């Protein structure tokens, strides 16, 4: 693992996301409603739109343009029109700095279908 500085912890909103460039990767660093920290691809898999500009609710982030919603823990799309997962990165905090490892992205393997869409 190769963690790199992404954003100072005090620059994250209480609930919300901030865009960071980590080793050339656009990453959305997110604080969920439960206080947990997450890092995901900043680009929506449905359209070339920054997810860090979207709304965070529970442990999901919503694309502001078309309303696609993604699980911050798995990257799985849980709201159409997106059907392809986004990458999720490991996160840790050291000395009040959020660090992200973009060398080993994880993502859900099941695309969204009508059968597994969250209601």
C-alpha atoms as a PDB file:
ATOM      1  CA  UNK A   1       0.000   0.000   0.000  1.00  0.00           C
ATOM      2  CA  UNK A   2       1.126   3.481  -0.814  1.00  0.00           C
ATOM      3  CA  UNK A   3      -0.874   6.107   1.044  1.00  0.00           C
ATOM      4  CA  UNK A   4      -0.520   9.703  -0.120  1.00  0.00           C
ATOM      5  CA  UNK A   5      -1.814  12.976   1.285  1.00  0.00           C
ATOM      6  CA  UNK A   6      -5.203  13.922  -0.154  1.00  0.00           C
ATOM      7  CA  UNK A   7      -6.752  16.658   1.991  1.00  0.00           C
ATOM      8  CA  UNK A   8      -6.421  18.077   5.515  1.00  0.00           C
ATOM      9  CA  UNK A   9      -9.105  16.592   7.753  1.00  0.00           C
ATOM     10  CA  UNK A  10     -10.371  20.041   8.759  1.00  0.00           C
ATOM     11  CA  UNK A  11     -11.118  20.882   5.101  1.00  0.00           C
ATOM     12  CA  UNK A  12     -13.764  18.149   4.865  1.00  0.00           C
ATOM     13  CA  UNK A  13     -17.329  19.256   5.500  1.00  0.00           C
ATOM     14  CA  UNK A  14     -19.197  17.669   8.422  1.00  0.00           C
ATOM     15  CA  UNK A  15     -21.084  15.661   5.781  1.00  0.00           C
ATOM     16  CA  UNK A  16     -19.977  15.939   2.169  1.00  0.00           C
ATOM     17  CA  UNK A  17     -17.123  15.569  -0.278  1.00  0.00           C
ATOM     18  CA  UNK A  18     -14.001  17.349  -1.472  1.00  0.00           C
ATOM     19  CA  UNK A  19     -12.179  16.692  -4.728  1.00  0.00           C
ATOM     20  CA  UNK A  20      -8.506  15.789  -4.413  1.00  0.00           C
ATOM     21  CA  UNK A  21      -5.837  14.894  -6.945  1.00  0.00           C
ATOM     22  CA  UNK A  22      -3.963  11.873  -5.592  1.00  0.00           C
ATOM     23  CA  UNK A  23      -1.055  10.787  -7.761  1.00  0.00           C
ATOM     24  CA  UNK A  24      -2.893  11.984 -10.873  1.00  0.00           C
ATOM     25  CA  UNK A  25      -6.221  10.374  -9.923  1.00  0.00           C
ATOM     26  CA  UNK A  26      -9.283  12.576  -9.348  1.00  0.00           C
ATOM     27  CA  UNK A  27     -10.662  11.324  -6.028  1.00  0.00           C
ATOM     28  CA  UNK A  28     -13.711  12.356  -4.006  1.00  0.00           C
ATOM     29  CA  UNK A  29     -12.788  12.274  -0.310  1.00  0.00           C
ATOM     30  CA  UNK A  30     -16.046  11.941   1.574  1.00  0.00           C
ATOM     31  CA  UNK A  31     -17.263  12.204   5.157  1.00  0.00           C
ATOM     32  CA  UNK A  32     -20.532  10.259   5.481  1.00  0.00           C
ATOM     33  CA  UNK A  33     -23.365  11.058   7.877  1.00  0.00           C
ATOM     34  CA  UNK A  34     -22.001   8.510  10.387  1.00  0.00           C
ATOM     35  CA  UNK A  35     -18.620  10.307  10.392  1.00  0.00           C
ATOM     36  CA  UNK A  36     -16.821   7.592   8.425  1.00  0.00           C
ATOM     37  CA  UNK A  37     -14.293   8.627   5.782  1.00  0.00           C
ATOM     38  CA  UNK A  38     -14.262   7.273   2.241  1.00  0.00           C
ATOM     39  CA  UNK A  39     -12.419   7.849  -1.028  1.00  0.00           C
ATOM     40  CA  UNK A  40     -13.934   7.021  -4.414  1.00  0.00           C
ATOM     41  CA  UNK A  41     -13.367   7.927  -8.046  1.00  0.00           C
ATOM     42  CA  UNK A  42     -14.488  11.504  -8.457  1.00  0.00           C
ATOM     43  CA  UNK A  43     -15.919  10.844 -11.909  1.00  0.00           C
ATOM     44  CA  UNK A  44     -19.404   9.344 -12.257  1.00  0.00           C
ATOM     45  CA  UNK A  45     -19.394   6.111 -14.270  1.00  0.00           C
ATOM     46  CA  UNK A  46     -22.508   7.244 -16.162  1.00  0.00           C
ATOM     47  CA  UNK A  47     -21.247  10.654 -17.318  1.00  0.00           C
ATOM     48  CA  UNK A  48     -18.043  12.648 -16.999  1.00  0.00           C
ATOM     49  CA  UNK A  49     -19.292  14.553 -13.951  1.00  0.00           C
ATOM     50  CA  UNK A  50     -17.536  15.261 -10.652  1.00  0.00           C
ATOM     51  CA  UNK A  51     -19.119  13.258  -7.828  1.00  0.00           C
ATOM     52  CA  UNK A  52     -17.538  15.494  -5.180  1.00  0.00           C
ATOM     53  CA  UNK A  53     -20.067  18.156  -6.204  1.00  0.00           C
ATOM     54  CA  UNK A  54     -22.960  15.821  -5.366  1.00  0.00           C
ATOM     55  CA  UNK A  55     -24.949  15.178  -2.214  1.00  0.00           C
ATOM     56  CA  UNK A  56     -23.917  12.708   0.476  1.00  0.00           C
ATOM     57  CA  UNK A  57     -26.687  10.859   2.289  1.00  0.00           C
ATOM     58  CA  UNK A  58     -26.150   8.006   4.751  1.00  0.00           C
ATOM     59  CA  UNK A  59     -23.221   6.162   3.156  1.00  0.00           C
ATOM     60  CA  UNK A  60     -23.924   7.131  -0.469  1.00  0.00           C
ATOM     61  CA  UNK A  61     -22.979   9.881  -2.882  1.00  0.00           C
ATOM     62  CA  UNK A  62     -25.272  11.161  -5.602  1.00  0.00           C
ATOM     63  CA  UNK A  63     -24.196  12.563  -8.956  1.00  0.00           C
ATOM     64  CA  UNK A  64     -25.649  16.066  -9.176  1.00  0.00           C
ATOM     65  CA  UNK A  65     -26.362  15.902 -12.922  1.00  0.00           C
ATOM     66  CA  UNK A  66     -28.469  12.765 -13.456  1.00  0.00           C
ATOM     67  CA  UNK A  67     -29.040  11.466  -9.920  1.00  0.00           C
ATOM     68  CA  UNK A  68     -26.952   8.277 -10.067  1.00  0.00           C
ATOM     69  CA  UNK A  69     -26.181   7.128  -6.528  1.00  0.00           C
ATOM     70  CA  UNK A  70     -23.177   5.054  -5.374  1.00  0.00           C
ATOM     71  CA  UNK A  71     -22.418   3.141  -2.169  1.00  0.00           C
ATOM     72  CA  UNK A  72     -19.301   4.735  -0.638  1.00  0.00           C
ATOM     73  CA  UNK A  73     -18.167   1.415   0.880  1.00  0.00           C
ATOM     74  CA  UNK A  74     -18.308  -0.695  -2.284  1.00  0.00           C
ATOM     75  CA  UNK A  75     -18.602   1.701  -5.227  1.00  0.00           C
ATOM     76  CA  UNK A  76     -21.751  -0.129  -6.345  1.00  0.00           C
ATOM     77  CA  UNK A  77     -24.330   1.905  -8.233  1.00  0.00           C
ATOM     78  CA  UNK A  78     -27.579   1.889  -6.276  1.00  0.00           C
ATOM     79  CA  UNK A  79     -29.535   4.366  -8.329  1.00  0.00           C
ATOM     80  CA  UNK A  80     -29.978   4.638 -12.082  1.00  0.00           C
ATOM     81  CA  UNK A  81     -28.944   5.801 -14.627  1.00  0.00           C
ATOM     82  CA  UNK A  82     -25.445   4.557 -13.642  1.00  0.00           C
ATOM     83  CA  UNK A  83     -25.004   0.800 -13.938  1.00  0.00           C
ATOM     84  CA  UNK A  84     -21.207   0.533 -13.647  1.00  0.00           C
ATOM     85  CA  UNK A  85     -19.432   0.679 -10.252  1.00  0.00           C
ATOM     86  CA  UNK A  86     -16.835   3.296  -9.340  1.00  0.00           C
ATOM     87  CA  UNK A  87     -13.496   2.517  -7.714  1.00  0.00           C
ATOM     88  CA  UNK A  88     -13.131   2.724  -3.943  1.00  0.00           C
ATOM     89  CA  UNK A  89      -9.786   3.472  -2.274  1.00  0.00           C
ATOM     90  CA  UNK A  90      -8.392   2.758   1.180  1.00  0.00           C
ATOM     91  CA  UNK A  91      -8.288   5.764   3.510  1.00  0.00           C
ATOM     92  CA  UNK A  92      -6.519   6.556   6.777  1.00  0.00           C
ATOM     93  CA  UNK A  93      -5.848   9.652   8.852  1.00  0.00           C
ATOM     94  CA  UNK A  94      -2.403  10.609  10.162  1.00  0.00           C
ATOM     95  CA  UNK A  95      -1.541  13.921  11.805  1.00  0.00           C
ATOM     96  CA  UNK A  96      -4.924  15.418  10.788  1.00  0.00           C
ATOM     97  CA  UNK A  97      -4.289  14.622   7.117  1.00  0.00           C
ATOM     98  CA  UNK A  98      -6.518  12.273   5.109  1.00  0.00           C
ATOM     99  CA  UNK A  99      -4.335   9.813   3.216  1.00  0.00           C
ATOM    100  CA  UNK A 100      -5.570   7.749   0.253  1.00  0.00           C
ATOM    101  CA  UNK A 101      -4.052   4.714  -1.461  1.00  0.00           C
ATOM    102  CA  UNK A 102      -4.900   4.810  -5.175  1.00  0.00           C
ATOM    103  CA  UNK A 103      -2.600   1.885  -6.042  1.00  0.00           C
ATOM    104  CA  UNK A 104      -5.142  -0.842  -5.188  1.00  0.00           C
ATOM    105  CA  UNK A 105      -8.637   0.338  -6.173  1.00  0.00           C
ATOM    106  CA  UNK A 106     -11.602  -1.834  -5.284  1.00  0.00           C
ATOM    107  CA  UNK A 107     -15.019  -1.826  -6.907  1.00  0.00           C
ATOM    108  CA  UNK A 108     -18.229  -3.771  -6.805  1.00  0.00           C
ATOM    109  CA  UNK A 109     -18.438  -6.500  -9.397  1.00  0.00           C
ATOM    110  CA  UNK A 110     -22.196  -6.520  -9.930  1.00  0.00           C
ATOM    111  CA  UNK A 111     -23.579  -3.884 -12.288  1.00  0.00           C
ATOM    112  CA  UNK A 112     -26.908  -2.353 -11.355  1.00  0.00           C
ATOM    113  CA  UNK A 113     -29.909  -4.040 -12.914  1.00  0.00           C
ATOM    114  CA  UNK A 114     -33.630  -3.699 -12.349  1.00  0.00           C
ATOM    115  CA  UNK A 115     -33.412  -6.854 -10.205  1.00  0.00           C
ATOM    116  CA  UNK A 116     -30.936  -5.437  -7.676  1.00  0.00           C
ATOM    117  CA  UNK A 117     -31.926  -1.754  -7.687  1.00  0.00           C
ATOM    118  CA  UNK A 118     -32.412  -0.333  -4.186  1.00  0.00           C
ATOM    119  CA  UNK A 119     -35.902   1.020  -3.591  1.00  0.00           C
END
